[in-house]
Amino acid sequence: EDGLRDTVSPKGNLILSGILGEQLPGILTLLDGHGFTLKT
């Protein structure tokens, strides 16, 4: 919400951890909505 997406260059990489299983769907939706493709 505060602009994390803009800290990643176009075609850049973002690694996130510290996510619990029940939180995963929301984080995947967030990534997709901000123009990220899940690689792994």
PDB file of all heavy atoms in Angstrom:
ATOM      1  N   GLU A   1       0.832  -1.215   0.000  1.00  0.00           N
ATOM      2  CA  GLU A   1       0.000   0.000   0.000  1.00  0.00           C
ATOM      3  C   GLU A   1       0.864   1.261   0.000  1.00  0.00           C
ATOM      4  O   GLU A   1       0.474   2.288  -0.546  1.00  0.00           O
ATOM      5  CB  GLU A   1      -0.927   0.006   1.215  1.00  0.00           C
ATOM      6  CG  GLU A   1      -2.018  -1.032   1.143  1.00  0.00           C
ATOM      7  CD  GLU A   1      -2.790  -1.180   2.445  1.00  0.00           C
ATOM      8  OE1 GLU A   1      -2.420  -0.556   3.471  1.00  0.00           O
ATOM      9  OE2 GLU A   1      -3.762  -1.956   2.443  1.00  0.00           O
ATOM     10  N   ASP A   2       2.052   1.163   0.597  1.00  0.00           N
ATOM     11  CA  ASP A   2       2.961   2.307   0.696  1.00  0.00           C
ATOM     12  C   ASP A   2       3.951   2.393  -0.468  1.00  0.00           C
ATOM     13  O   ASP A   2       4.849   3.230  -0.447  1.00  0.00           O
ATOM     14  CB  ASP A   2       3.731   2.263   2.019  1.00  0.00           C
ATOM     15  CG  ASP A   2       2.841   2.531   3.223  1.00  0.00           C
ATOM     16  OD1 ASP A   2       1.740   3.105   3.047  1.00  0.00           O
ATOM     17  OD2 ASP A   2       3.246   2.173   4.344  1.00  0.00           O
ATOM     18  N   GLY A   3       3.826   1.500  -1.465  1.00  0.00           N
ATOM     19  CA  GLY A   3       4.659   1.624  -2.655  1.00  0.00           C
ATOM     20  C   GLY A   3       5.781   0.616  -2.809  1.00  0.00           C
ATOM     21  O   GLY A   3       6.732   0.856  -3.569  1.00  0.00           O
ATOM     22  N   LEU A   4       5.703  -0.526  -2.144  1.00  0.00           N
ATOM     23  CA  LEU A   4       6.750  -1.543  -2.277  1.00  0.00           C
ATOM     24  C   LEU A   4       7.014  -1.908  -3.737  1.00  0.00           C
ATOM     25  O   LEU A   4       8.162  -2.073  -4.141  1.00  0.00           O
ATOM     26  CB  LEU A   4       6.389  -2.800  -1.473  1.00  0.00           C
ATOM     27  CG  LEU A   4       7.376  -3.970  -1.575  1.00  0.00           C
ATOM     28  CD1 LEU A   4       8.734  -3.572  -1.005  1.00  0.00           C
ATOM     29  CD2 LEU A   4       6.835  -5.188  -0.860  1.00  0.00           C
ATOM     30  N   ARG A   5       5.968  -1.997  -4.530  1.00  0.00           N
ATOM     31  CA  ARG A   5       6.126  -2.363  -5.941  1.00  0.00           C
ATOM     32  C   ARG A   5       7.133  -1.452  -6.636  1.00  0.00           C
ATOM     33  O   ARG A   5       7.951  -1.902  -7.430  1.00  0.00           O
ATOM     34  CB  ARG A   5       4.794  -2.276  -6.672  1.00  0.00           C
ATOM     35  CG  ARG A   5       4.914  -2.551  -8.154  1.00  0.00           C
ATOM     36  CD  ARG A   5       3.582  -2.223  -8.851  1.00  0.00           C
ATOM     37  NE  ARG A   5       3.665  -2.500 -10.254  1.00  0.00           N
ATOM     38  CZ  ARG A   5       4.091  -1.626 -11.168  1.00  0.00           C
ATOM     39  NH1 ARG A   5       4.496  -0.422 -10.820  1.00  0.00           N
ATOM     40  NH2 ARG A   5       4.124  -1.964 -12.446  1.00  0.00           N
ATOM     41  N   ASP A   6       7.085  -0.173  -6.334  1.00  0.00           N
ATOM     42  CA  ASP A   6       7.938   0.799  -7.007  1.00  0.00           C
ATOM     43  C   ASP A   6       9.403   0.678  -6.624  1.00  0.00           C
ATOM     44  O   ASP A   6      10.261   1.264  -7.278  1.00  0.00           O
ATOM     45  CB  ASP A   6       7.449   2.217  -6.731  1.00  0.00           C
ATOM     46  CG  ASP A   6       6.054   2.449  -7.295  1.00  0.00           C
ATOM     47  OD1 ASP A   6       5.699   1.797  -8.308  1.00  0.00           O
ATOM     48  OD2 ASP A   6       5.316   3.270  -6.728  1.00  0.00           O
ATOM     49  N   THR A   7       9.712  -0.057  -5.559  1.00  0.00           N
ATOM     50  CA  THR A   7      11.106  -0.267  -5.182  1.00  0.00           C
ATOM     51  C   THR A   7      11.751  -1.387  -5.999  1.00  0.00           C
ATOM     52  O   THR A   7      12.964  -1.566  -5.937  1.00  0.00           O
ATOM     53  CB  THR A   7      11.251  -0.579  -3.681  1.00  0.00           C
ATOM     54  OG1 THR A   7      10.643  -1.835  -3.400  1.00  0.00           O
ATOM     55  CG2 THR A   7      10.629   0.514  -2.828  1.00  0.00           C
ATOM     56  N   VAL A   8      10.932  -2.132  -6.736  1.00  0.00           N
ATOM     57  CA  VAL A   8      11.428  -3.212  -7.592  1.00  0.00           C
ATOM     58  C   VAL A   8      11.459  -2.701  -9.022  1.00  0.00           C
ATOM     59  O   VAL A   8      10.445  -2.217  -9.538  1.00  0.00           O
ATOM     60  CB  VAL A   8      10.512  -4.461  -7.494  1.00  0.00           C
ATOM     61  CG1 VAL A   8      11.038  -5.581  -8.372  1.00  0.00           C
ATOM     62  CG2 VAL A   8      10.381  -4.922  -6.053  1.00  0.00           C
ATOM     63  N   SER A   9      12.604  -2.798  -9.668  1.00  0.00           N
ATOM     64  CA  SER A   9      12.746  -2.346 -11.057  1.00  0.00           C
ATOM     65  C   SER A   9      11.868  -3.177 -11.978  1.00  0.00           C
ATOM     66  O   SER A   9      11.602  -4.357 -11.700  1.00  0.00           O
ATOM     67  CB  SER A   9      14.192  -2.501 -11.521  1.00  0.00           C
ATOM     68  OG  SER A   9      15.046  -1.725 -10.730  1.00  0.00           O
ATOM     69  N   PRO A  10      11.422  -2.600 -13.100  1.00  0.00           N
ATOM     70  CA  PRO A  10      10.730  -3.417 -14.100  1.00  0.00           C
ATOM     71  C   PRO A  10      11.607  -4.620 -14.472  1.00  0.00           C
ATOM     72  O   PRO A  10      12.813  -4.479 -14.632  1.00  0.00           O
ATOM     73  CB  PRO A  10      10.557  -2.462 -15.279  1.00  0.00           C
ATOM     74  CG  PRO A  10      10.521  -1.101 -14.646  1.00  0.00           C
ATOM     75  CD  PRO A  10      11.500  -1.195 -13.500  1.00  0.00           C
ATOM     76  N   LYS A  11      10.990  -5.768 -14.523  1.00  0.00           N
ATOM     77  CA  LYS A  11      11.656  -7.062 -14.745  1.00  0.00           C
ATOM     78  C   LYS A  11      12.519  -7.480 -13.561  1.00  0.00           C
ATOM     79  O   LYS A  11      13.283  -8.435 -13.650  1.00  0.00           O
ATOM     80  CB  LYS A  11      12.500  -7.059 -16.029  1.00  0.00           C
ATOM     81  CG  LYS A  11      11.731  -6.679 -17.270  1.00  0.00           C
ATOM     82  CD  LYS A  11      10.684  -7.713 -17.600  1.00  0.00           C
ATOM     83  CE  LYS A  11       9.948  -7.314 -18.881  1.00  0.00           C
ATOM     84  NZ  LYS A  11       8.834  -8.178 -19.154  1.00  0.00           N
ATOM     85  N   GLY A  12      12.396  -6.767 -12.426  1.00  0.00           N
ATOM     86  CA  GLY A  12      13.159  -7.079 -11.227  1.00  0.00           C
ATOM     87  C   GLY A  12      12.514  -8.192 -10.420  1.00  0.00           C
ATOM     88  O   GLY A  12      11.393  -8.639 -10.696  1.00  0.00           O
ATOM     89  N   ASN A  13      13.221  -8.639  -9.401  1.00  0.00           N
ATOM     90  CA  ASN A  13      12.806  -9.766  -8.581  1.00  0.00           C
ATOM     91  C   ASN A  13      12.405  -9.333  -7.183  1.00  0.00           C
ATOM     92  O   ASN A  13      12.984  -8.402  -6.615  1.00  0.00           O
ATOM     93  CB  ASN A  13      13.948 -10.781  -8.481  1.00  0.00           C
ATOM     94  CG  ASN A  13      14.287 -11.368  -9.819  1.00  0.00           C
ATOM     95  OD1 ASN A  13      13.521 -12.142 -10.371  1.00  0.00           O
ATOM     96  ND2 ASN A  13      15.434 -10.993 -10.372  1.00  0.00           N
ATOM     97  N   LEU A  14      11.433 -10.047  -6.626  1.00  0.00           N
ATOM     98  CA  LEU A  14      10.941  -9.813  -5.278  1.00  0.00           C
ATOM     99  C   LEU A  14      10.865 -11.157  -4.570  1.00  0.00           C
ATOM    100  O   LEU A  14      10.223 -12.087  -5.060  1.00  0.00           O
ATOM    101  CB  LEU A  14       9.551  -9.163  -5.330  1.00  0.00           C
ATOM    102  CG  LEU A  14       8.846  -8.927  -4.003  1.00  0.00           C
ATOM    103  CD1 LEU A  14       9.606  -7.920  -3.148  1.00  0.00           C
ATOM    104  CD2 LEU A  14       7.411  -8.442  -4.242  1.00  0.00           C
ATOM    105  N   ILE A  15      11.536 -11.262  -3.441  1.00  0.00           N
ATOM    106  CA  ILE A  15      11.485 -12.486  -2.647  1.00  0.00           C
ATOM    107  C   ILE A  15      10.798 -12.142  -1.334  1.00  0.00           C
ATOM    108  O   ILE A  15      11.218 -11.226  -0.626  1.00  0.00           O
ATOM    109  CB  ILE A  15      12.891 -13.062  -2.400  1.00  0.00           C
ATOM    110  CG1 ILE A  15      13.510 -13.458  -3.743  1.00  0.00           C
ATOM    111  CG2 ILE A  15      12.818 -14.251  -1.445  1.00  0.00           C
ATOM    112  CD1 ILE A  15      14.943 -13.906  -3.652  1.00  0.00           C
ATOM    113  N   LEU A  16       9.736 -12.867  -1.043  1.00  0.00           N
ATOM    114  CA  LEU A  16       8.960 -12.659   0.175  1.00  0.00           C
ATOM    115  C   LEU A  16       8.963 -13.938   0.988  1.00  0.00           C
ATOM    116  O   LEU A  16       8.800 -15.029   0.441  1.00  0.00           O
ATOM    117  CB  LEU A  16       7.513 -12.291  -0.163  1.00  0.00           C
ATOM    118  CG  LEU A  16       7.291 -11.077  -1.053  1.00  0.00           C
ATOM    119  CD1 LEU A  16       5.808 -10.928  -1.364  1.00  0.00           C
ATOM    120  CD2 LEU A  16       7.839  -9.823  -0.395  1.00  0.00           C
ATOM    121  N   SER A  17       9.123 -13.810   2.294  1.00  0.00           N
ATOM    122  CA  SER A  17       8.983 -14.967   3.178  1.00  0.00           C
ATOM    123  C   SER A  17       8.355 -14.492   4.475  1.00  0.00           C
ATOM    124  O   SER A  17       8.152 -13.298   4.680  1.00  0.00           O
ATOM    125  CB  SER A  17      10.342 -15.637   3.413  1.00  0.00           C
ATOM    126  OG  SER A  17      11.235 -14.735   4.022  1.00  0.00           O
ATOM    127  N   GLY A  18       8.034 -15.448   5.344  1.00  0.00           N
ATOM    128  CA  GLY A  18       7.326 -15.104   6.571  1.00  0.00           C
ATOM    129  C   GLY A  18       5.818 -15.150   6.388  1.00  0.00           C
ATOM    130  O   GLY A  18       5.078 -14.505   7.114  1.00  0.00           O
ATOM    131  N   ILE A  19       5.377 -15.909   5.397  1.00  0.00           N
ATOM    132  CA  ILE A  19       3.958 -15.998   5.047  1.00  0.00           C
ATOM    133  C   ILE A  19       3.411 -17.335   5.546  1.00  0.00           C
ATOM    134  O   ILE A  19       3.995 -18.384   5.277  1.00  0.00           O
ATOM    135  CB  ILE A  19       3.782 -15.881   3.518  1.00  0.00           C
ATOM    136  CG1 ILE A  19       4.372 -14.555   3.033  1.00  0.00           C
ATOM    137  CG2 ILE A  19       2.323 -16.033   3.122  1.00  0.00           C
ATOM    138  CD1 ILE A  19       4.626 -14.516   1.539  1.00  0.00           C
ATOM    139  N   LEU A  20       2.312 -17.286   6.242  1.00  0.00           N
ATOM    140  CA  LEU A  20       1.657 -18.508   6.709  1.00  0.00           C
ATOM    141  C   LEU A  20       0.675 -19.010   5.649  1.00  0.00           C
ATOM    142  O   LEU A  20       0.166 -18.228   4.845  1.00  0.00           O
ATOM    143  CB  LEU A  20       0.916 -18.243   8.026  1.00  0.00           C
ATOM    144  CG  LEU A  20       1.815 -17.874   9.207  1.00  0.00           C
ATOM    145  CD1 LEU A  20       0.972 -17.404  10.388  1.00  0.00           C
ATOM    146  CD2 LEU A  20       2.688 -19.048   9.597  1.00  0.00           C
ATOM    147  N   GLY A  21       0.406 -20.311   5.667  1.00  0.00           N
ATOM    148  CA  GLY A  21      -0.441 -20.939   4.656  1.00  0.00           C
ATOM    149  C   GLY A  21      -1.783 -20.267   4.455  1.00  0.00           C
ATOM    150  O   GLY A  21      -2.220 -20.052   3.323  1.00  0.00           O
ATOM    151  N   GLU A  22      -2.451 -19.892   5.537  1.00  0.00           N
ATOM    152  CA  GLU A  22      -3.776 -19.279   5.391  1.00  0.00           C
ATOM    153  C   GLU A  22      -3.698 -17.864   4.814  1.00  0.00           C
ATOM    154  O   GLU A  22      -4.688 -17.329   4.340  1.00  0.00           O
ATOM    155  CB  GLU A  22      -4.537 -19.265   6.729  1.00  0.00           C
ATOM    156  CG  GLU A  22      -3.913 -18.419   7.804  1.00  0.00           C
ATOM    157  CD  GLU A  22      -2.967 -19.189   8.731  1.00  0.00           C
ATOM    158  OE1 GLU A  22      -2.615 -20.343   8.444  1.00  0.00           O
ATOM    159  OE2 GLU A  22      -2.575 -18.597   9.746  1.00  0.00           O
ATOM    160  N   GLN A  23      -2.508 -17.271   4.818  1.00  0.00           N
ATOM    161  CA  GLN A  23      -2.316 -15.924   4.268  1.00  0.00           C
ATOM    162  C   GLN A  23      -1.918 -15.953   2.788  1.00  0.00           C
ATOM    163  O   GLN A  23      -1.965 -14.923   2.122  1.00  0.00           O
ATOM    164  CB  GLN A  23      -1.233 -15.190   5.055  1.00  0.00           C
ATOM    165  CG  GLN A  23      -1.576 -15.034   6.519  1.00  0.00           C
ATOM    166  CD  GLN A  23      -0.381 -14.623   7.346  1.00  0.00           C
ATOM    167  OE1 GLN A  23       0.763 -14.932   7.024  1.00  0.00           O
ATOM    168  NE2 GLN A  23      -0.644 -13.912   8.425  1.00  0.00           N
ATOM    169  N   LEU A  24      -1.535 -17.118   2.308  1.00  0.00           N
ATOM    170  CA  LEU A  24      -1.012 -17.242   0.950  1.00  0.00           C
ATOM    171  C   LEU A  24      -1.962 -16.744  -0.138  1.00  0.00           C
ATOM    172  O   LEU A  24      -1.539 -15.972  -1.006  1.00  0.00           O
ATOM    173  CB  LEU A  24      -0.589 -18.683   0.670  1.00  0.00           C
ATOM    174  CG  LEU A  24       0.012 -18.937  -0.702  1.00  0.00           C
ATOM    175  CD1 LEU A  24       1.290 -18.122  -0.898  1.00  0.00           C
ATOM    176  CD2 LEU A  24       0.279 -20.420  -0.889  1.00  0.00           C
ATOM    177  N   PRO A  25      -3.246 -17.122  -0.142  1.00  0.00           N
ATOM    178  CA  PRO A  25      -4.116 -16.641  -1.230  1.00  0.00           C
ATOM    179  C   PRO A  25      -4.158 -15.119  -1.338  1.00  0.00           C
ATOM    180  O   PRO A  25      -4.107 -14.573  -2.444  1.00  0.00           O
ATOM    181  CB  PRO A  25      -5.492 -17.214  -0.864  1.00  0.00           C
ATOM    182  CG  PRO A  25      -5.193 -18.419  -0.032  1.00  0.00           C
ATOM    183  CD  PRO A  25      -3.952 -18.059   0.746  1.00  0.00           C
ATOM    184  N   GLY A  26      -4.210 -14.438  -0.209  1.00  0.00           N
ATOM    185  CA  GLY A  26      -4.244 -12.982  -0.230  1.00  0.00           C
ATOM    186  C   GLY A  26      -2.954 -12.382  -0.768  1.00  0.00           C
ATOM    187  O   GLY A  26      -2.977 -11.403  -1.523  1.00  0.00           O
ATOM    188  N   ILE A  27      -1.825 -12.968  -0.419  1.00  0.00           N
ATOM    189  CA  ILE A  27      -0.531 -12.462  -0.898  1.00  0.00           C
ATOM    190  C   ILE A  27      -0.379 -12.732  -2.387  1.00  0.00           C
ATOM    191  O   ILE A  27       0.119 -11.882  -3.141  1.00  0.00           O
ATOM    192  CB  ILE A  27       0.628 -13.063  -0.091  1.00  0.00           C
ATOM    193  CG1 ILE A  27       0.546 -12.614   1.371  1.00  0.00           C
ATOM    194  CG2 ILE A  27       1.978 -12.696  -0.701  1.00  0.00           C
ATOM    195  CD1 ILE A  27       0.676 -11.111   1.592  1.00  0.00           C
ATOM    196  N   LEU A  28      -0.829 -13.890  -2.854  1.00  0.00           N
ATOM    197  CA  LEU A  28      -0.759 -14.179  -4.294  1.00  0.00           C
ATOM    198  C   LEU A  28      -1.624 -13.205  -5.089  1.00  0.00           C
ATOM    199  O   LEU A  28      -1.223 -12.730  -6.157  1.00  0.00           O
ATOM    200  CB  LEU A  28      -1.176 -15.626  -4.567  1.00  0.00           C
ATOM    201  CG  LEU A  28      -0.222 -16.697  -4.046  1.00  0.00           C
ATOM    202  CD1 LEU A  28      -0.809 -18.083  -4.290  1.00  0.00           C
ATOM    203  CD2 LEU A  28       1.159 -16.564  -4.662  1.00  0.00           C
ATOM    204  N   THR A  29      -2.790 -12.892  -4.581  1.00  0.00           N
ATOM    205  CA  THR A  29      -3.665 -11.909  -5.223  1.00  0.00           C
ATOM    206  C   THR A  29      -3.000 -10.535  -5.240  1.00  0.00           C
ATOM    207  O   THR A  29      -3.045  -9.818  -6.245  1.00  0.00           O
ATOM    208  CB  THR A  29      -5.021 -11.841  -4.498  1.00  0.00           C
ATOM    209  OG1 THR A  29      -5.648 -13.129  -4.582  1.00  0.00           O
ATOM    210  CG2 THR A  29      -5.932 -10.789  -5.112  1.00  0.00           C
ATOM    211  N   LEU A  30      -2.367 -10.183  -4.144  1.00  0.00           N
ATOM    212  CA  LEU A  30      -1.657  -8.911  -4.040  1.00  0.00           C
ATOM    213  C   LEU A  30      -0.531  -8.827  -5.076  1.00  0.00           C
ATOM    214  O   LEU A  30      -0.395  -7.816  -5.770  1.00  0.00           O
ATOM    215  CB  LEU A  30      -1.092  -8.789  -2.623  1.00  0.00           C
ATOM    216  CG  LEU A  30      -0.434  -7.478  -2.239  1.00  0.00           C
ATOM    217  CD1 LEU A  30      -1.477  -6.387  -2.085  1.00  0.00           C
ATOM    218  CD2 LEU A  30       0.329  -7.659  -0.937  1.00  0.00           C
ATOM    219  N   LEU A  31       0.262  -9.887  -5.173  1.00  0.00           N
ATOM    220  CA  LEU A  31       1.351  -9.907  -6.159  1.00  0.00           C
ATOM    221  C   LEU A  31       0.809  -9.729  -7.574  1.00  0.00           C
ATOM    222  O   LEU A  31       1.310  -8.903  -8.344  1.00  0.00           O
ATOM    223  CB  LEU A  31       2.135 -11.222  -6.069  1.00  0.00           C
ATOM    224  CG  LEU A  31       3.081 -11.372  -4.893  1.00  0.00           C
ATOM    225  CD1 LEU A  31       3.654 -12.784  -4.849  1.00  0.00           C
ATOM    226  CD2 LEU A  31       4.196 -10.350  -4.950  1.00  0.00           C
ATOM    227  N   ASP A  32      -0.195 -10.487  -7.907  1.00  0.00           N
ATOM    228  CA  ASP A  32      -0.787 -10.413  -9.239  1.00  0.00           C
ATOM    229  C   ASP A  32      -1.332  -9.019  -9.527  1.00  0.00           C
ATOM    230  O   ASP A  32      -1.116  -8.459 -10.603  1.00  0.00           O
ATOM    231  CB  ASP A  32      -1.885 -11.471  -9.378  1.00  0.00           C
ATOM    232  CG  ASP A  32      -2.458 -11.526 -10.771  1.00  0.00           C
ATOM    233  OD1 ASP A  32      -1.691 -11.761 -11.730  1.00  0.00           O
ATOM    234  OD2 ASP A  32      -3.680 -11.316 -10.905  1.00  0.00           O
ATOM    235  N   GLY A  33      -1.998  -8.448  -8.561  1.00  0.00           N
ATOM    236  CA  GLY A  33      -2.591  -7.131  -8.730  1.00  0.00           C
ATOM    237  C   GLY A  33      -1.572  -6.008  -8.868  1.00  0.00           C
ATOM    238  O   GLY A  33      -1.895  -4.924  -9.346  1.00  0.00           O
ATOM    239  N   HIS A  34      -0.336  -6.281  -8.448  1.00  0.00           N
ATOM    240  CA  HIS A  34       0.727  -5.282  -8.560  1.00  0.00           C
ATOM    241  C   HIS A  34       1.707  -5.602  -9.690  1.00  0.00           C
ATOM    242  O   HIS A  34       2.796  -5.030  -9.751  1.00  0.00           O
ATOM    243  CB  HIS A  34       1.469  -5.144  -7.232  1.00  0.00           C
ATOM    244  CG  HIS A  34       0.702  -4.341  -6.232  1.00  0.00           C
ATOM    245  ND1 HIS A  34      -0.225  -4.907  -5.380  1.00  0.00           N
ATOM    246  CD2 HIS A  34       0.691  -3.018  -5.960  1.00  0.00           C
ATOM    247  CE1 HIS A  34      -0.749  -3.966  -4.615  1.00  0.00           C
ATOM    248  NE2 HIS A  34      -0.218  -2.804  -4.959  1.00  0.00           N
ATOM    249  N   GLY A  35       1.328  -6.519 -10.575  1.00  0.00           N
ATOM    250  CA  GLY A  35       2.133  -6.774 -11.768  1.00  0.00           C
ATOM    251  C   GLY A  35       3.289  -7.741 -11.593  1.00  0.00           C
ATOM    252  O   GLY A  35       4.246  -7.708 -12.367  1.00  0.00           O
ATOM    253  N   PHE A  36       3.204  -8.625 -10.596  1.00  0.00           N
ATOM    254  CA  PHE A  36       4.247  -9.635 -10.387  1.00  0.00           C
ATOM    255  C   PHE A  36       3.752 -11.002 -10.843  1.00  0.00           C
ATOM    256  O   PHE A  36       2.592 -11.348 -10.651  1.00  0.00           O
ATOM    257  CB  PHE A  36       4.634  -9.719  -8.908  1.00  0.00           C
ATOM    258  CG  PHE A  36       5.424  -8.546  -8.424  1.00  0.00           C
ATOM    259  CD1 PHE A  36       4.789  -7.419  -7.938  1.00  0.00           C
ATOM    260  CD2 PHE A  36       6.812  -8.553  -8.462  1.00  0.00           C
ATOM    261  CE1 PHE A  36       5.510  -6.322  -7.488  1.00  0.00           C
ATOM    262  CE2 PHE A  36       7.542  -7.464  -8.021  1.00  0.00           C
ATOM    263  CZ  PHE A  36       6.889  -6.344  -7.533  1.00  0.00           C
ATOM    264  N   THR A  37       4.653 -11.760 -11.424  1.00  0.00           N
ATOM    265  CA  THR A  37       4.378 -13.143 -11.790  1.00  0.00           C
ATOM    266  C   THR A  37       5.096 -14.043 -10.793  1.00  0.00           C
ATOM    267  O   THR A  37       6.294 -13.859 -10.537  1.00  0.00           O
ATOM    268  CB  THR A  37       4.900 -13.444 -13.208  1.00  0.00           C
ATOM    269  OG1 THR A  37       4.215 -12.588 -14.122  1.00  0.00           O
ATOM    270  CG2 THR A  37       4.653 -14.891 -13.591  1.00  0.00           C
ATOM    271  N   LEU A  38       4.385 -15.016 -10.235  1.00  0.00           N
ATOM    272  CA  LEU A  38       4.983 -15.961  -9.301  1.00  0.00           C
ATOM    273  C   LEU A  38       5.896 -16.905 -10.067  1.00  0.00           C
ATOM    274  O   LEU A  38       5.476 -17.554 -11.026  1.00  0.00           O
ATOM    275  CB  LEU A  38       3.898 -16.749  -8.575  1.00  0.00           C
ATOM    276  CG  LEU A  38       4.396 -17.761  -7.550  1.00  0.00           C
ATOM    277  CD1 LEU A  38       5.091 -17.062  -6.383  1.00  0.00           C
ATOM    278  CD2 LEU A  38       3.245 -18.619  -7.057  1.00  0.00           C
ATOM    279  N   LYS A  39       7.155 -16.987  -9.645  1.00  0.00           N
ATOM    280  CA  LYS A  39       8.124 -17.884 -10.276  1.00  0.00           C
ATOM    281  C   LYS A  39       8.326 -19.152  -9.465  1.00  0.00           C
ATOM    282  O   LYS A  39       8.465 -20.221 -10.027  1.00  0.00           O
ATOM    283  CB  LYS A  39       9.475 -17.171 -10.466  1.00  0.00           C
ATOM    284  CG  LYS A  39       9.411 -16.010 -11.439  1.00  0.00           C
ATOM    285  CD  LYS A  39       9.051 -16.522 -12.811  1.00  0.00           C
ATOM    286  CE  LYS A  39       9.119 -15.433 -13.851  1.00  0.00           C
ATOM    287  NZ  LYS A  39       8.789 -15.935 -15.175  1.00  0.00           N
ATOM    288  N   THR A  40       8.387 -19.008  -8.145  1.00  0.00           N
ATOM    289  CA  THR A  40       8.627 -20.165  -7.278  1.00  0.00           C
ATOM    290  C   THR A  40       7.944 -19.950  -5.940  1.00  0.00           C
ATOM    291  O   THR A  40       7.888 -18.827  -5.442  1.00  0.00           O
ATOM    292  CB  THR A  40      10.145 -20.364  -7.026  1.00  0.00           C
ATOM    293  OG1 THR A  40      10.815 -20.526  -8.259  1.00  0.00           O
ATOM    294  CG2 THR A  40      10.408 -21.580  -6.165  1.00  0.00           C
TER     295      THR A  40
END
